[in-house]
Amino acid sequence: MKHAPIDLAWARILVTNDDGIHAPGIKVLERIAKSLSKDVWVVAPESEQSAVAHALTLRRPLRARKISRRRYAIDGTPTDCVLLAVKSLLTDKAPDLVLSGINHGSNIGEDVTYSGTVAAAMEGALLGIPAIALSQGRLSNGDIHWSAAEHFAPKIIRKLAGVPWPHDVLMNVNFPARPPDKITGILPCRQGRRIDGTDVTAGRDPAGRPYLWVGVFQSDKPREKRTDLAATAAGAIAITPLHLDLTHRGTLGALSEAFG
């Protein structure tokens, strides 16, 4: 079963993220959403929730703090934000589209499994709502410019809204760290894998006690072509449809034979 095309002019759009309600990227995304629809709501974490993946808060109550009209901060995870928005704050009318981001840094390759940005879109998909995660790549020195996302995101969102896709699929969009005039294209592609792994740095705190600090991936060098990693490395915008069903069909068949 597929979602029907979305008429954005009449759509209710829910904007969320994992960098927090005051992050620069969500302000960019809110402006983009408001250029597409008049019915835009922002429900985002009170503080940064990067790399929390699809975590759900179960052991304590959550609080929704109203920041302004149609803007709420939640003291929980990105998943909490989407769930509370749909089940509590927007009960008069469910969102027609969830936009998550714009993340401060790419969510490509292995990032997808850790990302709170992607997880918020995943929660939207689980609730039966079309959802798009958007992320902006950083420069090598850590700086970030939002111009590529600002320029291309409205066009991409409009086009995706007109393409029916299955209910258990979400879209992951990554903008490379380049100005708009240096973007080489828009490339639908699959999720990749890096050649190098994640950095873990050993050190000692001021008291001399040893610690281990999980750092960033050592590089974005892809193992294979035609992936999100390869696309963004070549200066293209990567659009990857992600499937909620993690079942590996080939192995399932082999197991069925093995266990009769």
C-alpha atoms as a PDB file:
ATOM      1  CA  MET A   1       0.000   0.000   0.000  1.00  0.00           C
ATOM      2  CA  LYS A   2       1.310   3.451  -0.931  1.00  0.00           C
ATOM      3  CA  HIS A   3       0.752   6.988   0.295  1.00  0.00           C
ATOM      4  CA  ALA A   4      -1.267   9.193  -2.006  1.00  0.00           C
ATOM      5  CA  PRO A   5       0.492  12.272  -3.424  1.00  0.00           C
ATOM      6  CA  ILE A   6       0.429  15.194  -0.973  1.00  0.00           C
ATOM      7  CA  ASP A   7      -1.025  18.585  -1.863  1.00  0.00           C
ATOM      8  CA  LEU A   8       1.450  20.666   0.140  1.00  0.00           C
ATOM      9  CA  ALA A   9      -0.608  23.840  -0.112  1.00  0.00           C
ATOM     10  CA  TRP A  10      -3.225  22.194   2.141  1.00  0.00           C
ATOM     11  CA  ALA A  11      -0.931  19.890   4.103  1.00  0.00           C
ATOM     12  CA  ARG A  12      -0.219  19.946   7.812  1.00  0.00           C
ATOM     13  CA  ILE A  13       3.556  19.641   8.181  1.00  0.00           C
ATOM     14  CA  LEU A  14       5.292  18.535  11.377  1.00  0.00           C
ATOM     15  CA  VAL A  15       8.902  19.733  11.708  1.00  0.00           C
ATOM     16  CA  THR A  16      11.252  18.065  14.179  1.00  0.00           C
ATOM     17  CA  ASN A  17      14.962  17.245  14.602  1.00  0.00           C
ATOM     18  CA  ASP A  18      17.585  15.791  16.938  1.00  0.00           C
ATOM     19  CA  ASP A  19      19.781  18.892  17.351  1.00  0.00           C
ATOM     20  CA  GLY A  20      17.213  20.624  19.561  1.00  0.00           C
ATOM     21  CA  ILE A  21      14.471  23.235  19.277  1.00  0.00           C
ATOM     22  CA  HIS A  22      16.955  26.134  19.049  1.00  0.00           C
ATOM     23  CA  ALA A  23      19.337  24.587  16.483  1.00  0.00           C
ATOM     24  CA  PRO A  24      20.065  26.612  13.311  1.00  0.00           C
ATOM     25  CA  GLY A  25      19.060  23.713  11.059  1.00  0.00           C
ATOM     26  CA  ILE A  26      15.502  23.457  12.369  1.00  0.00           C
ATOM     27  CA  LYS A  27      15.031  27.197  11.827  1.00  0.00           C
ATOM     28  CA  VAL A  28      16.070  26.706   8.196  1.00  0.00           C
ATOM     29  CA  LEU A  29      13.678  23.769   7.835  1.00  0.00           C
ATOM     30  CA  GLU A  30      10.825  25.689   9.460  1.00  0.00           C
ATOM     31  CA  ARG A  31      11.272  28.496   6.918  1.00  0.00           C
ATOM     32  CA  ILE A  32      11.288  25.956   4.089  1.00  0.00           C
ATOM     33  CA  ALA A  33       8.161  24.245   5.435  1.00  0.00           C
ATOM     34  CA  LYS A  34       6.356  27.581   5.735  1.00  0.00           C
ATOM     35  CA  SER A  35       7.163  28.314   2.091  1.00  0.00           C
ATOM     36  CA  LEU A  36       5.271  25.117   1.218  1.00  0.00           C
ATOM     37  CA  SER A  37       2.312  25.259   3.603  1.00  0.00           C
ATOM     38  CA  LYS A  38       0.547  27.593   6.038  1.00  0.00           C
ATOM     39  CA  ASP A  39      -0.092  24.791   8.540  1.00  0.00           C
ATOM     40  CA  VAL A  40       3.376  24.119  10.002  1.00  0.00           C
ATOM     41  CA  TRP A  41       4.021  22.844  13.516  1.00  0.00           C
ATOM     42  CA  VAL A  42       7.403  22.441  15.224  1.00  0.00           C
ATOM     43  CA  VAL A  43       7.790  19.813  17.958  1.00  0.00           C
ATOM     44  CA  ALA A  44      11.444  19.176  18.776  1.00  0.00           C
ATOM     45  CA  PRO A  45      13.704  18.118  21.669  1.00  0.00           C
ATOM     46  CA  GLU A  46      14.445  20.634  24.425  1.00  0.00           C
ATOM     47  CA  SER A  47      18.174  19.859  24.057  1.00  0.00           C
ATOM     48  CA  GLU A  48      20.464  18.094  21.623  1.00  0.00           C
ATOM     49  CA  GLN A  49      19.692  14.400  21.114  1.00  0.00           C
ATOM     50  CA  SER A  50      22.224  13.455  18.440  1.00  0.00           C
ATOM     51  CA  ALA A  51      22.952   9.734  17.939  1.00  0.00           C
ATOM     52  CA  VAL A  52      20.130   8.586  20.233  1.00  0.00           C
ATOM     53  CA  ALA A  53      18.716   6.571  17.296  1.00  0.00           C
ATOM     54  CA  HIS A  54      15.105   5.383  17.755  1.00  0.00           C
ATOM     55  CA  ALA A  55      15.108   5.702  21.555  1.00  0.00           C
ATOM     56  CA  LEU A  56      11.746   6.064  23.313  1.00  0.00           C
ATOM     57  CA  THR A  57      11.419   7.438  26.866  1.00  0.00           C
ATOM     58  CA  LEU A  58       9.606   4.892  29.063  1.00  0.00           C
ATOM     59  CA  ARG A  59      10.872   5.345  32.629  1.00  0.00           C
ATOM     60  CA  ARG A  60       9.708   8.905  33.348  1.00  0.00           C
ATOM     61  CA  PRO A  61       6.955  11.331  32.312  1.00  0.00           C
ATOM     62  CA  LEU A  62       7.551  13.745  29.447  1.00  0.00           C
ATOM     63  CA  ARG A  63       6.788  17.462  29.403  1.00  0.00           C
ATOM     64  CA  ALA A  64       5.753  19.564  26.424  1.00  0.00           C
ATOM     65  CA  ARG A  65       6.718  23.224  26.783  1.00  0.00           C
ATOM     66  CA  LYS A  66       4.961  25.673  24.489  1.00  0.00           C
ATOM     67  CA  ILE A  67       7.554  28.032  23.006  1.00  0.00           C
ATOM     68  CA  SER A  68       5.175  30.026  20.810  1.00  0.00           C
ATOM     69  CA  ARG A  69       2.221  29.431  18.522  1.00  0.00           C
ATOM     70  CA  ARG A  70       2.597  25.992  16.926  1.00  0.00           C
ATOM     71  CA  ARG A  71       6.066  25.454  18.477  1.00  0.00           C
ATOM     72  CA  TYR A  72       6.733  23.010  21.316  1.00  0.00           C
ATOM     73  CA  ALA A  73       9.851  21.715  23.066  1.00  0.00           C
ATOM     74  CA  ILE A  74       9.818  18.186  24.493  1.00  0.00           C
ATOM     75  CA  ASP A  75      12.213  16.996  27.204  1.00  0.00           C
ATOM     76  CA  GLY A  76      12.771  13.736  25.383  1.00  0.00           C
ATOM     77  CA  THR A  77      14.064  12.119  22.225  1.00  0.00           C
ATOM     78  CA  PRO A  78      13.203  12.835  18.571  1.00  0.00           C
ATOM     79  CA  THR A  79      11.003   9.725  18.592  1.00  0.00           C
ATOM     80  CA  ASP A  80       9.179  11.053  21.666  1.00  0.00           C
ATOM     81  CA  CYS A  81       8.594  14.339  19.836  1.00  0.00           C
ATOM     82  CA  VAL A  82       6.882  12.764  16.839  1.00  0.00           C
ATOM     83  CA  LEU A  83       4.837  10.389  18.990  1.00  0.00           C
ATOM     84  CA  LEU A  84       3.642  13.156  21.339  1.00  0.00           C
ATOM     85  CA  ALA A  85       2.903  15.487  18.440  1.00  0.00           C
ATOM     86  CA  VAL A  86       0.681  12.929  16.712  1.00  0.00           C
ATOM     87  CA  LYS A  87      -0.919  11.347  19.792  1.00  0.00           C
ATOM     88  CA  SER A  88      -1.331  14.411  22.036  1.00  0.00           C
ATOM     89  CA  LEU A  89      -0.613  17.839  20.531  1.00  0.00           C
ATOM     90  CA  LEU A  90      -2.170  17.488  17.064  1.00  0.00           C
ATOM     91  CA  THR A  91      -5.141  15.268  17.791  1.00  0.00           C
ATOM     92  CA  ASP A  92      -7.513  17.521  15.819  1.00  0.00           C
ATOM     93  CA  LYS A  93      -5.694  16.629  12.597  1.00  0.00           C
ATOM     94  CA  ALA A  94      -2.692  14.365  12.106  1.00  0.00           C
ATOM     95  CA  PRO A  95       0.267  15.672  10.112  1.00  0.00           C
ATOM     96  CA  ASP A  96       0.245  14.930   6.396  1.00  0.00           C
ATOM     97  CA  LEU A  97       4.051  15.059   6.286  1.00  0.00           C
ATOM     98  CA  VAL A  98       6.919  14.818   8.791  1.00  0.00           C
ATOM     99  CA  LEU A  99      10.127  16.728   8.024  1.00  0.00           C
ATOM    100  CA  SER A 100      13.091  15.963  10.286  1.00  0.00           C
ATOM    101  CA  GLY A 101      16.236  18.114  10.351  1.00  0.00           C
ATOM    102  CA  ILE A 102      17.981  19.845   8.908  1.00  0.00           C
ATOM    103  CA  ASN A 103      20.695  17.934  10.716  1.00  0.00           C
ATOM    104  CA  HIS A 104      24.051  19.550  11.478  1.00  0.00           C
ATOM    105  CA  GLY A 105      26.137  17.026   9.519  1.00  0.00           C
ATOM    106  CA  SER A 106      25.428  14.164   7.139  1.00  0.00           C
ATOM    107  CA  ASN A 107      23.425  11.047   7.934  1.00  0.00           C
ATOM    108  CA  ILE A 108      24.870   8.627   5.402  1.00  0.00           C
ATOM    109  CA  GLY A 109      26.140   5.058   5.535  1.00  0.00           C
ATOM    110  CA  GLU A 110      26.298   3.752   9.104  1.00  0.00           C
ATOM    111  CA  ASP A 111      25.024   7.100  10.448  1.00  0.00           C
ATOM    112  CA  VAL A 112      21.505   5.988   9.548  1.00  0.00           C
ATOM    113  CA  THR A 113      21.411   3.414  12.361  1.00  0.00           C
ATOM    114  CA  TYR A 114      22.524   5.951  15.004  1.00  0.00           C
ATOM    115  CA  SER A 115      20.750   9.066  13.789  1.00  0.00           C
ATOM    116  CA  GLY A 116      17.996  10.714  15.813  1.00  0.00           C
ATOM    117  CA  THR A 117      17.115  12.719  12.707  1.00  0.00           C
ATOM    118  CA  VAL A 118      16.409   9.561  10.727  1.00  0.00           C
ATOM    119  CA  ALA A 119      14.674   7.987  13.745  1.00  0.00           C
ATOM    120  CA  ALA A 120      12.179  10.862  13.955  1.00  0.00           C
ATOM    121  CA  ALA A 121      11.263  10.268  10.309  1.00  0.00           C
ATOM    122  CA  MET A 122      11.111   6.552  11.066  1.00  0.00           C
ATOM    123  CA  GLU A 123       8.564   7.198  13.816  1.00  0.00           C
ATOM    124  CA  GLY A 124       6.479   9.195  11.369  1.00  0.00           C
ATOM    125  CA  ALA A 125       6.548   6.269   8.944  1.00  0.00           C
ATOM    126  CA  LEU A 126       5.592   3.840  11.717  1.00  0.00           C
ATOM    127  CA  LEU A 127       2.579   6.061  12.436  1.00  0.00           C
ATOM    128  CA  GLY A 128       1.578   5.906   8.786  1.00  0.00           C
ATOM    129  CA  ILE A 129       2.750   9.414   7.867  1.00  0.00           C
ATOM    130  CA  PRO A 130       5.061  10.163   4.919  1.00  0.00           C
ATOM    131  CA  ALA A 131       8.367  11.307   6.393  1.00  0.00           C
ATOM    132  CA  ILE A 132      11.586  12.849   5.110  1.00  0.00           C
ATOM    133  CA  ALA A 133      14.888  13.202   7.000  1.00  0.00           C
ATOM    134  CA  LEU A 134      17.173  15.998   5.773  1.00  0.00           C
ATOM    135  CA  SER A 135      20.847  16.527   6.648  1.00  0.00           C
ATOM    136  CA  GLN A 136      23.499  19.049   5.609  1.00  0.00           C
ATOM    137  CA  GLY A 137      27.121  17.934   5.302  1.00  0.00           C
ATOM    138  CA  ARG A 138      29.882  19.758   7.182  1.00  0.00           C
ATOM    139  CA  LEU A 139      33.116  21.144   5.794  1.00  0.00           C
ATOM    140  CA  SER A 140      36.374  19.437   6.788  1.00  0.00           C
ATOM    141  CA  ASN A 141      37.009  22.081   9.457  1.00  0.00           C
ATOM    142  CA  GLY A 142      33.589  21.423  11.020  1.00  0.00           C
ATOM    143  CA  ASP A 143      31.928  24.571   9.678  1.00  0.00           C
ATOM    144  CA  ILE A 144      28.518  24.257   8.083  1.00  0.00           C
ATOM    145  CA  HIS A 145      26.673  26.365   5.523  1.00  0.00           C
ATOM    146  CA  TRP A 146      22.986  25.839   4.893  1.00  0.00           C
ATOM    147  CA  SER A 147      22.838  27.283   1.373  1.00  0.00           C
ATOM    148  CA  ALA A 148      22.651  23.956  -0.480  1.00  0.00           C
ATOM    149  CA  ALA A 149      19.810  22.710   1.703  1.00  0.00           C
ATOM    150  CA  GLU A 150      17.990  26.054   1.571  1.00  0.00           C
ATOM    151  CA  HIS A 151      18.242  26.181  -2.205  1.00  0.00           C
ATOM    152  CA  PHE A 152      17.348  22.581  -3.097  1.00  0.00           C
ATOM    153  CA  ALA A 153      15.161  21.305  -0.244  1.00  0.00           C
ATOM    154  CA  PRO A 154      11.889  22.994  -1.338  1.00  0.00           C
ATOM    155  CA  LYS A 155      12.162  21.487  -4.826  1.00  0.00           C
ATOM    156  CA  ILE A 156      13.053  18.040  -3.466  1.00  0.00           C
ATOM    157  CA  ILE A 157      10.232  18.047  -0.898  1.00  0.00           C
ATOM    158  CA  ARG A 158       7.706  19.102  -3.549  1.00  0.00           C
ATOM    159  CA  LYS A 159       8.864  16.357  -5.890  1.00  0.00           C
ATOM    160  CA  LEU A 160       8.860  13.678  -3.177  1.00  0.00           C
ATOM    161  CA  ALA A 161       5.377  14.779  -2.074  1.00  0.00           C
ATOM    162  CA  GLY A 162       4.147  13.982  -5.569  1.00  0.00           C
ATOM    163  CA  VAL A 163       5.700  10.502  -5.680  1.00  0.00           C
ATOM    164  CA  PRO A 164       3.641   7.730  -4.016  1.00  0.00           C
ATOM    165  CA  TRP A 165       5.832   5.544  -1.837  1.00  0.00           C
ATOM    166  CA  PRO A 166       5.053   2.568   0.448  1.00  0.00           C
ATOM    167  CA  HIS A 167       3.825   3.203   3.997  1.00  0.00           C
ATOM    168  CA  ASP A 168       6.849   1.448   5.522  1.00  0.00           C
ATOM    169  CA  VAL A 169       9.388   3.586   3.647  1.00  0.00           C
ATOM    170  CA  LEU A 170      10.918   6.918   4.670  1.00  0.00           C
ATOM    171  CA  MET A 171      13.147   9.214   2.629  1.00  0.00           C
ATOM    172  CA  ASN A 172      16.665  10.178   3.693  1.00  0.00           C
ATOM    173  CA  VAL A 173      18.053  13.287   1.951  1.00  0.00           C
ATOM    174  CA  ASN A 174      21.676  14.410   2.336  1.00  0.00           C
ATOM    175  CA  PHE A 175      23.103  17.669   1.000  1.00  0.00           C
ATOM    176  CA  PRO A 176      26.875  17.763   0.410  1.00  0.00           C
ATOM    177  CA  ALA A 177      29.051  20.490   1.910  1.00  0.00           C
ATOM    178  CA  ARG A 178      29.028  22.637  -1.245  1.00  0.00           C
ATOM    179  CA  PRO A 179      27.352  25.859  -2.343  1.00  0.00           C
ATOM    180  CA  PRO A 180      24.326  25.436  -4.631  1.00  0.00           C
ATOM    181  CA  ASP A 181      26.252  26.263  -7.815  1.00  0.00           C
ATOM    182  CA  LYS A 182      28.727  23.445  -7.087  1.00  0.00           C
ATOM    183  CA  ILE A 183      26.101  20.717  -6.622  1.00  0.00           C
ATOM    184  CA  THR A 184      26.576  18.071  -9.332  1.00  0.00           C
ATOM    185  CA  GLY A 185      23.056  16.655  -9.311  1.00  0.00           C
ATOM    186  CA  ILE A 186      20.314  14.920  -7.341  1.00  0.00           C
ATOM    187  CA  LEU A 187      20.933  11.171  -7.132  1.00  0.00           C
ATOM    188  CA  PRO A 188      18.536   8.501  -5.831  1.00  0.00           C
ATOM    189  CA  CYS A 189      20.831   5.867  -4.341  1.00  0.00           C
ATOM    190  CA  ARG A 190      21.141   3.199  -1.695  1.00  0.00           C
ATOM    191  CA  GLN A 191      22.654   3.352   1.765  1.00  0.00           C
ATOM    192  CA  GLY A 192      26.399   2.764   1.751  1.00  0.00           C
ATOM    193  CA  ARG A 193      29.091   1.472   4.079  1.00  0.00           C
ATOM    194  CA  ARG A 194      32.392   3.152   4.924  1.00  0.00           C
ATOM    195  CA  ILE A 195      35.754   1.483   4.468  1.00  0.00           C
ATOM    196  CA  ASP A 196      37.027   2.891   7.776  1.00  0.00           C
ATOM    197  CA  GLY A 197      35.278   2.535  11.121  1.00  0.00           C
ATOM    198  CA  THR A 198      34.569   4.887  13.991  1.00  0.00           C
ATOM    199  CA  ASP A 199      37.373   6.492  15.957  1.00  0.00           C
ATOM    200  CA  VAL A 200      37.796   5.708  19.673  1.00  0.00           C
ATOM    201  CA  THR A 201      40.297   7.954  21.454  1.00  0.00           C
ATOM    202  CA  ALA A 202      41.951   7.085  24.748  1.00  0.00           C
ATOM    203  CA  GLY A 203      42.995   9.787  27.205  1.00  0.00           C
ATOM    204  CA  ARG A 204      43.140  10.879  30.828  1.00  0.00           C
ATOM    205  CA  ASP A 205      40.988  13.414  32.638  1.00  0.00           C
ATOM    206  CA  PRO A 206      42.475  16.182  34.858  1.00  0.00           C
ATOM    207  CA  ALA A 207      42.510  13.746  37.785  1.00  0.00           C
ATOM    208  CA  GLY A 208      44.575  11.256  35.805  1.00  0.00           C
ATOM    209  CA  ARG A 209      41.766   8.751  35.355  1.00  0.00           C
ATOM    210  CA  PRO A 210      41.667   6.960  31.983  1.00  0.00           C
ATOM    211  CA  TYR A 211      38.722   7.402  29.641  1.00  0.00           C
ATOM    212  CA  LEU A 212      37.620   6.309  26.174  1.00  0.00           C
ATOM    213  CA  TRP A 213      35.877   8.812  23.878  1.00  0.00           C
ATOM    214  CA  VAL A 214      33.856   7.667  20.888  1.00  0.00           C
ATOM    215  CA  GLY A 215      34.619  10.064  18.058  1.00  0.00           C
ATOM    216  CA  VAL A 216      33.521  10.515  14.470  1.00  0.00           C
ATOM    217  CA  PHE A 217      33.965   8.155  11.535  1.00  0.00           C
ATOM    218  CA  GLN A 218      37.547   8.264  10.302  1.00  0.00           C
ATOM    219  CA  SER A 219      36.458   9.046   6.738  1.00  0.00           C
ATOM    220  CA  ASP A 220      33.464   8.965   4.407  1.00  0.00           C
ATOM    221  CA  LYS A 221      35.306   6.819   1.861  1.00  0.00           C
ATOM    222  CA  PRO A 222      32.666   4.443   0.438  1.00  0.00           C
ATOM    223  CA  ARG A 223      33.102   0.711  -0.146  1.00  0.00           C
ATOM    224  CA  GLU A 224      30.896   0.788  -3.247  1.00  0.00           C
ATOM    225  CA  LYS A 225      29.629   3.138  -5.947  1.00  0.00           C
ATOM    226  CA  ARG A 226      26.072   4.422  -6.355  1.00  0.00           C
ATOM    227  CA  THR A 227      25.610   4.881  -2.603  1.00  0.00           C
ATOM    228  CA  ASP A 228      24.803   7.894  -0.424  1.00  0.00           C
ATOM    229  CA  LEU A 229      28.476   8.077   0.567  1.00  0.00           C
ATOM    230  CA  ALA A 230      29.688   8.049  -3.038  1.00  0.00           C
ATOM    231  CA  ALA A 231      27.020  10.519  -4.171  1.00  0.00           C
ATOM    232  CA  THR A 232      27.769  13.185  -1.562  1.00  0.00           C
ATOM    233  CA  ALA A 233      31.532  12.711  -2.028  1.00  0.00           C
ATOM    234  CA  ALA A 234      30.974  13.545  -5.704  1.00  0.00           C
ATOM    235  CA  GLY A 235      29.014  16.666  -4.785  1.00  0.00           C
ATOM    236  CA  ALA A 236      25.532  15.294  -5.444  1.00  0.00           C
ATOM    237  CA  ILE A 237      22.464  15.372  -3.219  1.00  0.00           C
ATOM    238  CA  ALA A 238      21.684  11.814  -2.118  1.00  0.00           C
ATOM    239  CA  ILE A 239      18.088  10.623  -1.744  1.00  0.00           C
ATOM    240  CA  THR A 240      17.774   7.176  -0.176  1.00  0.00           C
ATOM    241  CA  PRO A 241      14.489   5.356   0.461  1.00  0.00           C
ATOM    242  CA  LEU A 242      14.831   3.488   3.762  1.00  0.00           C
ATOM    243  CA  HIS A 243      12.708   0.438   4.551  1.00  0.00           C
ATOM    244  CA  LEU A 244      11.345  -0.164   8.060  1.00  0.00           C
ATOM    245  CA  ASP A 245      11.234  -3.930   7.530  1.00  0.00           C
ATOM    246  CA  LEU A 246      14.767  -5.082   8.408  1.00  0.00           C
ATOM    247  CA  THR A 247      14.105  -8.707   7.475  1.00  0.00           C
ATOM    248  CA  HIS A 248      16.709 -10.174   5.119  1.00  0.00           C
ATOM    249  CA  ARG A 249      14.586 -12.204   2.724  1.00  0.00           C
ATOM    250  CA  GLY A 250      17.389 -14.381   1.344  1.00  0.00           C
ATOM    251  CA  THR A 251      18.505 -15.522   4.784  1.00  0.00           C
ATOM    252  CA  LEU A 252      14.902 -16.062   5.832  1.00  0.00           C
ATOM    253  CA  GLY A 253      14.493 -18.486   2.938  1.00  0.00           C
ATOM    254  CA  ALA A 254      17.648 -20.342   3.924  1.00  0.00           C
ATOM    255  CA  LEU A 255      16.472 -20.570   7.549  1.00  0.00           C
ATOM    256  CA  SER A 256      13.079 -21.869   6.450  1.00  0.00           C
ATOM    257  CA  GLU A 257      14.836 -24.666   4.568  1.00  0.00           C
ATOM    258  CA  ALA A 258      17.221 -25.394   7.452  1.00  0.00           C
ATOM    259  CA  PHE A 259      14.438 -25.616  10.050  1.00  0.00           C
ATOM    260  CA  GLY A 260      11.986 -27.392   7.788  1.00  0.00           C
END
